Amino acid sequence: MRRMKVNEQDPQQEEQGKLRRWVSNLQLESWQLELLITGFSIFLLATSLEEYDNFRRAVTFEKLSPGSNPSNPLFSLSAQLLLDAIPWALRFFLINLLIHLLLRGFWIGIVGLSSVSNVIDYEKLKLKGKFRKFIPEKVKSLDELIVYLDKVSSVIFAYTYLLVFSILSIAIVFVIIIALFGVIIMLSSTDASILQFLVNLVLSFFVFFFIVGAVLFFIDSIFFSTFKKSKWFSSIYYYVYRFFSVITLSVIYRSIYYHLITNYKKKQIILVNVVLIALFFLWNSFTDWDLHKFYPHNMGQNEYLMRQNYYDDTRGDAYVETVSIPSKYADSGFLEIFIRYDPEYNPVMDYRCPDSKALNGRIEFSDGFKAGMEASLDTTKSVDDFLPSLDDKIDQVKQAAQSLSELFIIKIDDQTLSTPEFSFYQHPSKNEKGFLVIADVSQLSRGKHTLEIDYLKFTGIFFMQDVTEDKLEFKPLARLPFWTH
């Protein structure tokens, strides 16, 4: 019976042995995967940081402008905060990966050297005095150095992901806090009621405890799980920890965190963090290092500062920020002036040009379905013939275009264009929506001229939307030079 019992356990033990051997072999060969992933990641980061920046600017321009959500700009702010935090994480990621690649390269060099000879002959050095004892004790052998560098490189590789996820965790918490404040503000802007007051009260208490819990969670993480060691506080903090482990996604990376704080000294972890933060700020300081002290870098609304973004032929692949003209040279006698439609104008347009909102009639599914059914009954017409068209609202389109003259003042050499004709226009560079004015400049003298555009700005509290005449004021939008001949 004993023999049969032993035989029954052999397959399970053999399977566990195979798993252990496989993990051991994987650990021995993990440096190859580390180098492969590090090299590939560095290549992707070096080439994609600019692409991500373009993506972030595109999303910010199109969706996250404060005016894109006039009822509650905090929602846009929270999303923008998350997008802005990702480059920080990517830069820390890149710095750590470069350090890891450098150490792994050094490690491979030591491995190659040890294959030739791994013994240090201290007798040939003929050391004297205290060096005879100090050097052999403090200088590692090649084998010891190989093991040490392998250990350090693997730890740095894992720590890289811990650091990146930690940055994202902080960003997620801030995004949630801002979004919750946005919900409170949104509810406060509606009609007051007892139910709404109670909901706001509950949300306010939740936000308060959320902030307190987040602070406790991050303090506990920074100070090596100090709250978990308290006899009386650990029972309370347990629920805070469980909640924020999910919110901050720390369930993904906390194994790395606990491995580091239990296998390495606190001063070592603190030193590594200080060095990485110092390297990051040195990198930023070097990037911001400016020797051109007498050059005006503040690109304000000034015709003496040539901004490439104002001209189509010099802007490149960038977005039109405010205003654009084809070139700094007006050769044809006409000047095309494009004003980008910024969602910041929405409150003022709603107040001054309320009929314009009716022109933004998107085609719903029901409209498309109805048009398809009618087109199937009348084979002489296409589906487009039965869809709603702006041509049926030509008077409203004309009135909306004319009302834009109340929002913008266009001046050339301090002379206001008396009757500018506005048209709705999409710029060909990035399909930015905006307004086009074509000005006759054929009568201007040869030489430099200044185009100035002011816009009607709402100066009140944005999310309150209490637009009145006393809160409207013309502000400079752009001021740029151009030349005629």
Protein backbone atom coordinates (compact mmCIF):
# COMPACT_ATOMS: atom_id res chain seq x y z
CA MET A 1 0.00 0.00 0.00
CA ARG A 2 2.83 2.40 0.82
CA ARG A 3 4.51 1.63 -2.50
CA MET A 4 1.29 2.41 -4.39
CA LYS A 5 0.90 5.69 -2.49
CA VAL A 6 4.44 6.74 -3.35
CA ASN A 7 3.88 5.87 -7.01
CA GLU A 8 0.69 7.93 -7.05
CA GLN A 9 2.58 11.00 -5.78
CA ASP A 10 5.47 10.62 -8.21
CA PRO A 11 3.69 12.20 -11.23
CA GLN A 12 2.72 15.27 -9.20
CA GLN A 13 6.22 15.67 -7.79
CA GLU A 14 7.68 15.17 -11.23
CA GLU A 15 5.39 17.86 -12.63
CA GLN A 16 6.41 20.28 -9.88
CA GLY A 17 10.05 19.48 -10.56
CA LYS A 18 9.60 20.22 -14.25
CA LEU A 19 7.92 23.52 -13.43
CA ARG A 20 10.72 24.48 -11.05
CA ARG A 21 13.39 23.60 -13.62
CA TRP A 22 11.53 25.54 -16.30
CA VAL A 23 11.29 28.63 -14.07
CA SER A 24 14.99 28.31 -13.16
CA ASN A 25 15.99 28.10 -16.82
CA LEU A 26 13.72 31.04 -17.61
CA GLN A 27 15.37 33.08 -14.86
CA LEU A 28 18.82 32.24 -16.21
CA GLU A 29 17.87 33.23 -19.73
CA SER A 30 15.71 36.23 -18.79
CA TRP A 31 18.48 38.67 -19.65
CA GLN A 32 17.93 37.95 -23.34
CA LEU A 33 14.25 38.88 -23.06
CA GLU A 34 15.16 41.95 -21.02
CA LEU A 35 17.58 43.17 -23.68
CA LEU A 36 15.10 42.46 -26.46
CA ILE A 37 12.25 44.29 -24.72
CA THR A 38 14.54 47.14 -23.61
CA GLY A 39 15.94 47.75 -27.08
CA PHE A 40 12.54 47.54 -28.71
CA SER A 41 10.98 49.81 -26.06
CA ILE A 42 13.73 52.43 -26.37
CA PHE A 43 13.26 52.45 -30.14
CA LEU A 44 9.49 52.84 -29.78
CA LEU A 45 9.78 55.54 -27.12
CA ALA A 46 12.37 57.52 -29.06
CA THR A 47 10.20 57.50 -32.17
CA SER A 48 6.76 57.71 -30.61
CA LEU A 49 7.11 60.53 -28.06
CA GLU A 50 6.65 63.08 -30.81
CA GLU A 51 3.77 61.07 -32.30
CA TYR A 52 2.07 60.88 -28.92
CA ASP A 53 2.55 64.61 -28.46
CA ASN A 54 0.82 65.17 -31.81
CA PHE A 55 -2.00 62.85 -30.75
CA ARG A 56 -2.35 64.63 -27.40
CA ARG A 57 -2.46 68.05 -29.08
CA ALA A 58 -5.03 66.77 -31.59
CA VAL A 59 -7.30 65.46 -28.84
CA THR A 60 -6.81 68.65 -26.83
CA PHE A 61 -7.63 70.87 -29.80
CA GLU A 62 -10.67 68.89 -30.89
CA LYS A 63 -12.21 67.47 -27.70
CA LEU A 64 -10.63 68.86 -24.54
CA SER A 65 -10.74 72.59 -25.02
CA PRO A 66 -12.37 74.25 -21.98
CA GLY A 67 -15.13 75.42 -24.27
CA SER A 68 -15.85 71.93 -25.59
CA ASN A 69 -17.81 71.24 -22.41
CA PRO A 70 -19.11 74.66 -21.36
CA SER A 71 -21.44 73.28 -18.72
CA ASN A 72 -18.54 71.67 -16.87
CA PRO A 73 -14.95 72.31 -18.05
CA LEU A 74 -13.59 70.19 -15.18
CA PHE A 75 -14.40 67.02 -17.14
CA SER A 76 -12.18 68.23 -19.97
CA LEU A 77 -9.52 69.25 -17.46
CA SER A 78 -9.49 65.78 -15.84
CA ALA A 79 -9.07 64.02 -19.19
CA GLN A 80 -6.34 66.45 -20.19
CA LEU A 81 -4.53 65.81 -16.90
CA LEU A 82 -4.38 62.09 -17.65
CA LEU A 83 -3.05 62.74 -21.16
CA ASP A 84 -0.42 65.14 -19.77
CA ALA A 85 0.73 62.61 -17.15
CA ILE A 86 1.58 59.94 -19.73
CA PRO A 87 4.65 61.81 -21.12
CA TRP A 88 6.06 62.02 -17.58
CA ALA A 89 5.71 58.26 -17.21
CA LEU A 90 7.25 57.69 -20.64
CA ARG A 91 10.26 59.87 -19.82
CA PHE A 92 10.91 58.02 -16.56
CA PHE A 93 10.45 54.80 -18.51
CA LEU A 94 13.02 55.88 -21.11
CA ILE A 95 15.59 56.97 -18.49
CA ASN A 96 15.33 53.65 -16.62
CA LEU A 97 15.54 51.61 -19.80
CA LEU A 98 18.66 53.47 -20.91
CA ILE A 99 20.26 52.76 -17.52
CA HIS A 100 19.21 49.11 -17.80
CA LEU A 101 20.64 48.84 -21.33
CA LEU A 102 23.91 50.38 -20.19
CA LEU A 103 24.23 47.96 -17.25
CA ARG A 104 23.31 44.94 -19.39
CA GLY A 105 25.89 45.97 -21.97
CA PHE A 106 28.49 46.26 -19.21
CA TRP A 107 27.36 42.87 -17.86
CA ILE A 108 27.81 41.21 -21.26
CA GLY A 109 31.28 42.72 -21.50
CA ILE A 110 32.21 41.25 -18.11
CA VAL A 111 30.82 37.85 -19.15
CA GLY A 112 32.97 37.96 -22.28
CA LEU A 113 36.04 38.97 -20.28
CA SER A 114 35.48 36.17 -17.75
CA SER A 115 35.49 33.62 -20.57
CA VAL A 116 39.12 34.60 -21.23
CA SER A 117 40.20 34.84 -17.61
CA ASN A 118 38.23 35.26 -14.40
CA VAL A 119 41.10 35.49 -11.90
CA ILE A 120 42.66 38.72 -10.61
CA ASP A 121 46.34 38.19 -9.74
CA TYR A 122 46.88 40.67 -6.92
CA GLU A 123 50.51 39.56 -6.50
CA LYS A 124 51.41 41.17 -9.82
CA LEU A 125 50.12 44.49 -8.56
CA LYS A 126 52.72 44.52 -5.77
CA LEU A 127 50.43 46.49 -3.48
CA LYS A 128 51.89 48.11 -0.38
CA GLY A 129 50.54 49.28 2.96
CA LYS A 130 46.80 49.28 3.55
CA PHE A 131 46.11 48.61 -0.13
CA ARG A 132 47.27 44.99 0.31
CA LYS A 133 44.18 44.34 2.45
CA PHE A 134 41.73 46.94 1.07
CA ILE A 135 41.83 46.11 -2.65
CA PRO A 136 41.31 42.30 -2.39
CA GLU A 137 38.44 42.80 0.07
CA LYS A 138 36.62 45.55 -1.83
CA VAL A 139 37.20 44.58 -5.46
CA LYS A 140 34.75 41.94 -6.60
CA SER A 141 35.88 39.03 -8.69
CA LEU A 142 34.51 38.81 -12.22
CA ASP A 143 32.13 36.02 -11.22
CA GLU A 144 30.84 38.04 -8.28
CA LEU A 145 30.50 41.13 -10.49
CA ILE A 146 28.55 39.13 -13.09
CA VAL A 147 26.08 37.89 -10.47
CA TYR A 148 25.79 41.36 -8.91
CA LEU A 149 25.19 43.19 -12.21
CA ASP A 150 22.69 40.54 -13.31
CA LYS A 151 20.75 41.05 -10.10
CA VAL A 152 20.85 44.87 -10.32
CA SER A 153 19.82 44.90 -13.99
CA SER A 154 16.84 42.64 -13.40
CA VAL A 155 15.72 44.76 -10.42
CA ILE A 156 15.98 47.98 -12.45
CA PHE A 157 14.00 46.39 -15.26
CA ALA A 158 11.17 45.46 -12.89
CA TYR A 159 11.40 48.75 -11.00
CA THR A 160 10.90 50.62 -14.29
CA TYR A 161 7.39 49.24 -14.63
CA LEU A 162 6.67 49.87 -10.94
CA LEU A 163 7.62 53.52 -11.37
CA VAL A 164 5.57 54.00 -14.53
CA PHE A 165 2.47 52.42 -13.03
CA SER A 166 2.90 54.50 -9.87
CA ILE A 167 2.90 57.73 -11.88
CA LEU A 168 -0.23 56.62 -13.72
CA SER A 169 -1.85 55.71 -10.40
CA ILE A 170 -1.31 59.22 -9.07
CA ALA A 171 -2.73 60.68 -12.28
CA ILE A 172 -5.81 58.43 -12.09
CA VAL A 173 -6.55 59.54 -8.53
CA PHE A 174 -6.29 63.22 -9.47
CA VAL A 175 -8.51 62.63 -12.52
CA ILE A 176 -11.19 61.00 -10.34
CA ILE A 177 -11.05 63.85 -7.80
CA ILE A 178 -11.42 66.52 -10.50
CA ALA A 179 -14.23 64.56 -12.17
CA LEU A 180 -16.09 64.27 -8.84
CA PHE A 181 -15.78 68.02 -8.30
CA GLY A 182 -17.14 68.39 -11.82
CA VAL A 183 -20.19 66.30 -10.93
CA ILE A 184 -20.81 68.45 -7.85
CA ILE A 185 -20.56 71.65 -9.87
CA MET A 186 -22.83 70.26 -12.58
CA LEU A 187 -25.50 69.32 -10.04
CA SER A 188 -25.17 72.67 -8.30
CA SER A 189 -25.82 74.54 -11.57
CA THR A 190 -29.25 72.93 -12.02
CA ASP A 191 -32.49 73.84 -10.25
CA ALA A 192 -32.17 73.48 -6.49
CA SER A 193 -34.14 70.81 -4.68
CA ILE A 194 -33.94 68.87 -1.44
CA LEU A 195 -32.95 65.69 -3.28
CA GLN A 196 -30.22 67.50 -5.18
CA PHE A 197 -28.96 69.07 -1.94
CA LEU A 198 -28.75 65.64 -0.29
CA VAL A 199 -26.98 64.16 -3.32
CA ASN A 200 -24.46 67.01 -3.31
CA LEU A 201 -23.94 66.60 0.42
CA VAL A 202 -23.27 62.88 0.04
CA LEU A 203 -20.93 63.52 -2.90
CA SER A 204 -19.06 66.21 -0.93
CA PHE A 205 -18.49 63.83 1.98
CA PHE A 206 -17.40 61.11 -0.47
CA VAL A 207 -14.91 63.45 -2.13
CA PHE A 208 -13.52 64.46 1.26
CA PHE A 209 -13.03 60.86 2.39
CA PHE A 210 -11.69 59.93 -1.05
CA ILE A 211 -8.99 62.62 -0.80
CA VAL A 212 -8.11 61.62 2.76
CA GLY A 213 -7.95 57.94 1.77
CA ALA A 214 -5.79 58.72 -1.26
CA VAL A 215 -3.34 60.70 0.88
CA LEU A 216 -3.15 57.87 3.43
CA PHE A 217 -2.66 55.29 0.66
CA PHE A 218 0.23 57.18 -0.93
CA ILE A 219 1.85 57.98 2.43
CA ASP A 220 1.69 54.29 3.32
CA SER A 221 3.28 53.37 -0.01
CA ILE A 222 6.05 55.97 0.26
CA PHE A 223 6.91 55.06 3.86
CA PHE A 224 7.16 51.30 3.24
CA SER A 225 3.71 50.15 4.45
CA THR A 226 3.94 51.95 7.78
CA PHE A 227 0.15 52.01 8.37
CA LYS A 228 -0.10 48.26 7.92
CA LYS A 229 2.19 47.80 10.92
CA SER A 230 -0.01 49.77 13.32
CA LYS A 231 -2.04 47.58 15.70
CA TRP A 232 -5.00 49.94 16.06
CA PHE A 233 -4.96 51.74 12.70
CA SER A 234 -4.37 48.73 10.43
CA SER A 235 -7.93 47.45 10.91
CA ILE A 236 -9.32 50.79 9.67
CA TYR A 237 -6.72 51.23 6.94
CA TYR A 238 -7.42 47.72 5.60
CA TYR A 239 -10.61 48.87 3.81
CA VAL A 240 -8.89 51.99 2.49
CA TYR A 241 -6.09 49.84 1.13
CA ARG A 242 -8.47 47.37 -0.54
CA PHE A 243 -10.43 50.19 -2.19
CA PHE A 244 -7.45 52.12 -3.52
CA SER A 245 -5.67 48.97 -4.63
CA VAL A 246 -8.39 48.67 -7.25
CA ILE A 247 -8.73 52.40 -8.01
CA THR A 248 -4.98 52.92 -8.53
CA LEU A 249 -4.47 49.57 -10.33
CA SER A 250 -1.81 48.67 -7.75
CA VAL A 251 -3.10 45.08 -7.81
CA ILE A 252 -1.10 44.80 -11.03
CA TYR A 253 2.28 45.87 -9.69
CA ARG A 254 2.18 45.51 -5.88
CA SER A 255 4.10 42.20 -6.02
CA ILE A 256 7.10 44.15 -7.34
CA TYR A 257 6.62 46.75 -4.61
CA TYR A 258 6.57 44.23 -1.75
CA HIS A 259 9.51 42.34 -3.21
CA LEU A 260 11.62 45.49 -3.27
CA ILE A 261 10.79 46.73 0.24
CA THR A 262 11.37 43.28 1.78
CA ASN A 263 14.59 42.39 -0.03
CA TYR A 264 16.42 45.71 -0.06
CA LYS A 265 17.28 48.29 2.52
CA LYS A 266 15.18 51.41 2.78
CA LYS A 267 18.14 53.69 2.25
CA GLN A 268 18.98 51.85 -0.98
CA ILE A 269 15.44 52.33 -2.33
CA ILE A 270 15.42 55.98 -1.27
CA LEU A 271 18.82 56.56 -2.89
CA VAL A 272 17.67 55.04 -6.19
CA ASN A 273 14.54 57.22 -6.19
CA VAL A 274 16.53 60.35 -5.42
CA VAL A 275 19.01 59.58 -8.22
CA LEU A 276 16.21 58.95 -10.74
CA ILE A 277 14.38 62.14 -9.80
CA ALA A 278 17.65 64.09 -10.01
CA LEU A 279 18.35 62.62 -13.47
CA PHE A 280 14.85 63.53 -14.59
CA PHE A 281 15.18 67.14 -13.47
CA LEU A 282 18.68 67.37 -14.95
CA TRP A 283 17.26 66.14 -18.24
CA ASN A 284 14.51 68.75 -18.12
CA SER A 285 16.97 71.44 -17.04
CA PHE A 286 19.24 70.58 -19.94
CA THR A 287 16.28 70.69 -22.32
CA ASP A 288 15.25 74.11 -20.96
CA TRP A 289 18.81 75.40 -20.85
CA ASP A 290 18.75 78.69 -22.70
CA LEU A 291 21.75 80.77 -23.70
CA HIS A 292 19.70 83.24 -25.76
CA LYS A 293 19.02 85.57 -22.86
CA PHE A 294 18.28 88.60 -25.00
CA TYR A 295 15.75 86.92 -27.29
CA PRO A 296 12.03 87.42 -26.53
CA HIS A 297 10.62 83.92 -26.12
CA ASN A 298 7.17 85.00 -25.03
CA MET A 299 5.38 84.80 -28.36
CA GLY A 300 2.60 87.24 -27.59
CA GLN A 301 0.32 89.22 -29.89
CA ASN A 302 3.06 91.33 -31.45
CA GLU A 303 3.80 92.01 -35.11
CA TYR A 304 7.53 92.12 -34.35
CA LEU A 305 7.55 88.42 -33.46
CA MET A 306 7.23 86.19 -36.53
CA ARG A 307 5.23 83.08 -35.62
CA GLN A 308 5.33 80.28 -38.15
CA ASN A 309 1.90 79.06 -37.04
CA TYR A 310 0.26 82.13 -38.57
CA TYR A 311 1.26 81.19 -42.12
CA ASP A 312 0.17 78.14 -44.11
CA ASP A 313 3.46 77.89 -46.01
CA THR A 314 5.61 77.79 -42.84
CA ARG A 315 3.36 76.02 -40.29
CA GLY A 316 4.19 72.51 -41.51
CA ASP A 317 2.14 69.73 -39.93
CA ALA A 318 1.04 71.74 -36.90
CA TYR A 319 -2.50 72.83 -36.06
CA VAL A 320 -3.85 76.30 -36.64
CA GLU A 321 -3.93 77.68 -33.13
CA THR A 322 -5.91 80.89 -33.67
CA VAL A 323 -5.52 82.62 -37.05
CA SER A 324 -3.84 81.71 -40.32
CA ILE A 325 -3.14 83.38 -43.69
CA PRO A 326 -1.63 81.62 -46.75
CA SER A 327 1.74 83.39 -46.57
CA LYS A 328 3.46 86.44 -45.19
CA TYR A 329 3.45 87.74 -48.78
CA ALA A 330 0.06 88.78 -50.23
CA ASP A 331 0.75 88.50 -53.95
CA SER A 332 -2.74 88.21 -55.46
CA GLY A 333 -4.21 91.43 -54.11
CA PHE A 334 -6.50 89.46 -51.79
CA LEU A 335 -5.77 88.18 -48.30
CA GLU A 336 -7.44 84.98 -47.05
CA ILE A 337 -7.94 85.23 -43.28
CA PHE A 338 -8.86 81.99 -41.50
CA ILE A 339 -10.07 82.16 -37.88
CA ARG A 340 -10.17 78.78 -36.15
CA TYR A 341 -13.43 77.95 -34.40
CA ASP A 342 -12.44 77.55 -30.76
CA PRO A 343 -15.13 75.97 -28.50
CA GLU A 344 -14.32 78.83 -26.11
CA TYR A 345 -16.51 80.98 -28.38
CA ASN A 346 -19.59 78.81 -27.70
CA PRO A 347 -21.11 80.85 -24.80
CA VAL A 348 -20.79 84.10 -26.73
CA MET A 349 -22.11 82.58 -29.97
CA ASP A 350 -25.04 81.10 -28.08
CA TYR A 351 -25.79 84.56 -26.70
CA ARG A 352 -25.20 86.63 -29.85
CA CYS A 353 -25.92 84.06 -32.60
CA PRO A 354 -28.46 81.62 -31.14
CA ASP A 355 -29.83 80.71 -34.59
CA SER A 356 -26.46 79.25 -35.61
CA LYS A 357 -26.96 76.26 -33.32
CA ALA A 358 -29.88 75.05 -35.46
CA LEU A 359 -27.51 74.66 -38.42
CA ASN A 360 -25.56 71.90 -36.71
CA GLY A 361 -28.24 69.31 -37.42
CA ARG A 362 -26.57 65.92 -37.49
CA ILE A 363 -28.27 63.23 -39.55
CA GLU A 364 -29.81 60.70 -37.16
CA PHE A 365 -30.30 57.01 -37.89
CA SER A 366 -34.03 57.54 -38.26
CA ASP A 367 -33.42 60.25 -40.90
CA GLY A 368 -31.13 57.96 -42.85
CA PHE A 369 -33.55 55.05 -42.58
CA LYS A 370 -36.46 57.22 -43.73
CA ALA A 371 -34.45 58.59 -46.65
CA GLY A 372 -33.45 55.06 -47.67
CA MET A 373 -37.07 53.93 -47.68
CA GLU A 374 -38.18 56.93 -49.76
CA ALA A 375 -35.30 56.42 -52.21
CA SER A 376 -36.30 52.78 -52.67
CA LEU A 377 -39.82 53.91 -53.67
CA ASP A 378 -38.54 56.59 -56.05
CA THR A 379 -35.75 55.12 -58.21
CA THR A 380 -35.16 58.44 -59.98
CA LYS A 381 -33.59 59.94 -56.84
CA SER A 382 -30.74 58.96 -54.55
CA VAL A 383 -30.70 58.75 -50.77
CA ASP A 384 -28.94 62.14 -50.56
CA ASP A 385 -31.93 63.80 -52.20
CA PHE A 386 -34.12 62.85 -49.23
CA LEU A 387 -31.65 63.76 -46.48
CA PRO A 388 -31.89 67.15 -44.68
CA SER A 389 -29.73 69.77 -46.40
CA LEU A 390 -28.45 73.20 -45.42
CA ASP A 391 -29.61 74.42 -48.80
CA ASP A 392 -33.12 74.36 -47.33
CA LYS A 393 -31.93 76.78 -44.62
CA ILE A 394 -30.01 79.21 -46.79
CA ASP A 395 -31.47 82.25 -45.03
CA GLN A 396 -30.41 80.93 -41.63
CA VAL A 397 -26.90 80.16 -42.92
CA LYS A 398 -26.61 83.71 -44.30
CA GLN A 399 -27.81 85.22 -41.02
CA ALA A 400 -25.40 83.06 -39.00
CA ALA A 401 -22.46 84.09 -41.21
CA GLN A 402 -23.37 87.77 -40.92
CA SER A 403 -23.68 87.53 -37.14
CA LEU A 404 -20.01 86.52 -36.91
CA SER A 405 -19.08 90.14 -37.57
CA GLU A 406 -20.38 90.86 -34.06
CA LEU A 407 -17.84 88.44 -32.59
CA PHE A 408 -14.68 89.49 -34.41
CA ILE A 409 -13.06 92.81 -35.30
CA ILE A 410 -10.56 92.63 -38.17
CA LYS A 411 -8.11 95.49 -38.64
CA ILE A 412 -5.39 96.15 -41.21
CA ASP A 413 -2.97 98.89 -40.15
CA ASP A 414 -5.43 99.93 -37.42
CA GLN A 415 -8.20 100.38 -40.01
CA THR A 416 -11.26 98.24 -39.25
CA LEU A 417 -12.79 96.29 -42.10
CA SER A 418 -16.25 97.80 -42.32
CA THR A 419 -18.18 94.94 -43.92
CA PRO A 420 -16.21 91.70 -43.66
CA GLU A 421 -17.96 88.76 -45.33
CA PHE A 422 -17.61 85.63 -43.21
CA SER A 423 -17.89 82.10 -44.60
CA PHE A 424 -17.88 78.78 -42.81
CA TYR A 425 -14.69 76.98 -43.81
CA GLN A 426 -12.62 73.90 -42.98
CA HIS A 427 -8.89 74.48 -43.26
CA PRO A 428 -7.17 71.92 -45.51
CA SER A 429 -4.20 71.32 -43.17
CA LYS A 430 -6.02 69.42 -40.40
CA ASN A 431 -9.65 70.04 -41.35
CA GLU A 432 -9.97 72.56 -38.53
CA LYS A 433 -13.39 74.15 -38.47
CA GLY A 434 -13.43 77.91 -38.66
CA PHE A 435 -14.42 81.09 -40.46
CA LEU A 436 -12.92 82.59 -43.61
CA VAL A 437 -12.75 86.25 -44.60
CA ILE A 438 -11.21 87.38 -47.88
CA ALA A 439 -9.95 90.98 -47.66
CA ASP A 440 -9.08 93.18 -50.63
CA VAL A 441 -5.52 94.47 -50.06
CA SER A 442 -4.81 95.57 -53.63
CA GLN A 443 -4.94 99.25 -52.64
CA LEU A 444 -2.34 98.87 -49.88
CA SER A 445 1.06 100.42 -50.43
CA ARG A 446 4.07 98.23 -51.08
CA GLY A 447 5.75 97.00 -47.90
CA LYS A 448 4.90 95.78 -44.43
CA HIS A 449 1.38 95.81 -43.00
CA THR A 450 -0.20 94.54 -39.80
CA LEU A 451 -3.26 92.33 -39.51
CA GLU A 452 -4.98 92.52 -36.12
CA ILE A 453 -7.97 90.42 -35.01
CA ASP A 454 -9.90 90.89 -31.76
CA TYR A 455 -12.60 88.55 -30.48
CA LEU A 456 -15.51 88.99 -28.12
CA LYS A 457 -14.62 87.16 -24.92
CA PHE A 458 -16.83 86.07 -22.05
CA THR A 459 -15.11 87.33 -18.88
CA GLY A 460 -17.44 85.71 -16.34
CA ILE A 461 -17.20 82.32 -14.64
CA PHE A 462 -17.09 79.87 -17.51
CA PHE A 463 -19.14 77.00 -16.12
CA MET A 464 -21.84 79.34 -14.78
CA GLN A 465 -22.74 80.42 -18.35
CA ASP A 466 -24.39 83.63 -17.10
CA VAL A 467 -23.56 85.57 -20.29
CA THR A 468 -24.59 89.23 -20.18
CA GLU A 469 -23.41 92.31 -22.07
CA ASP A 470 -21.41 93.64 -19.13
CA LYS A 471 -19.38 90.40 -19.10
CA LEU A 472 -18.41 90.61 -22.78
CA GLU A 473 -15.21 92.33 -23.80
CA PHE A 474 -13.10 92.38 -26.95
CA LYS A 475 -9.66 90.81 -26.44
CA PRO A 476 -6.73 90.49 -28.89
CA LEU A 477 -6.73 87.16 -30.71
CA ALA A 478 -3.81 87.61 -33.13
CA ARG A 479 -1.54 90.31 -34.47
CA LEU A 480 0.72 89.41 -37.39
CA PRO A 481 2.64 91.12 -40.17
CA PHE A 482 2.35 90.56 -43.92
CA TRP A 483 3.84 92.23 -46.99
CA THR A 484 2.38 93.43 -50.28
CA HIS A 485 4.10 94.52 -53.48
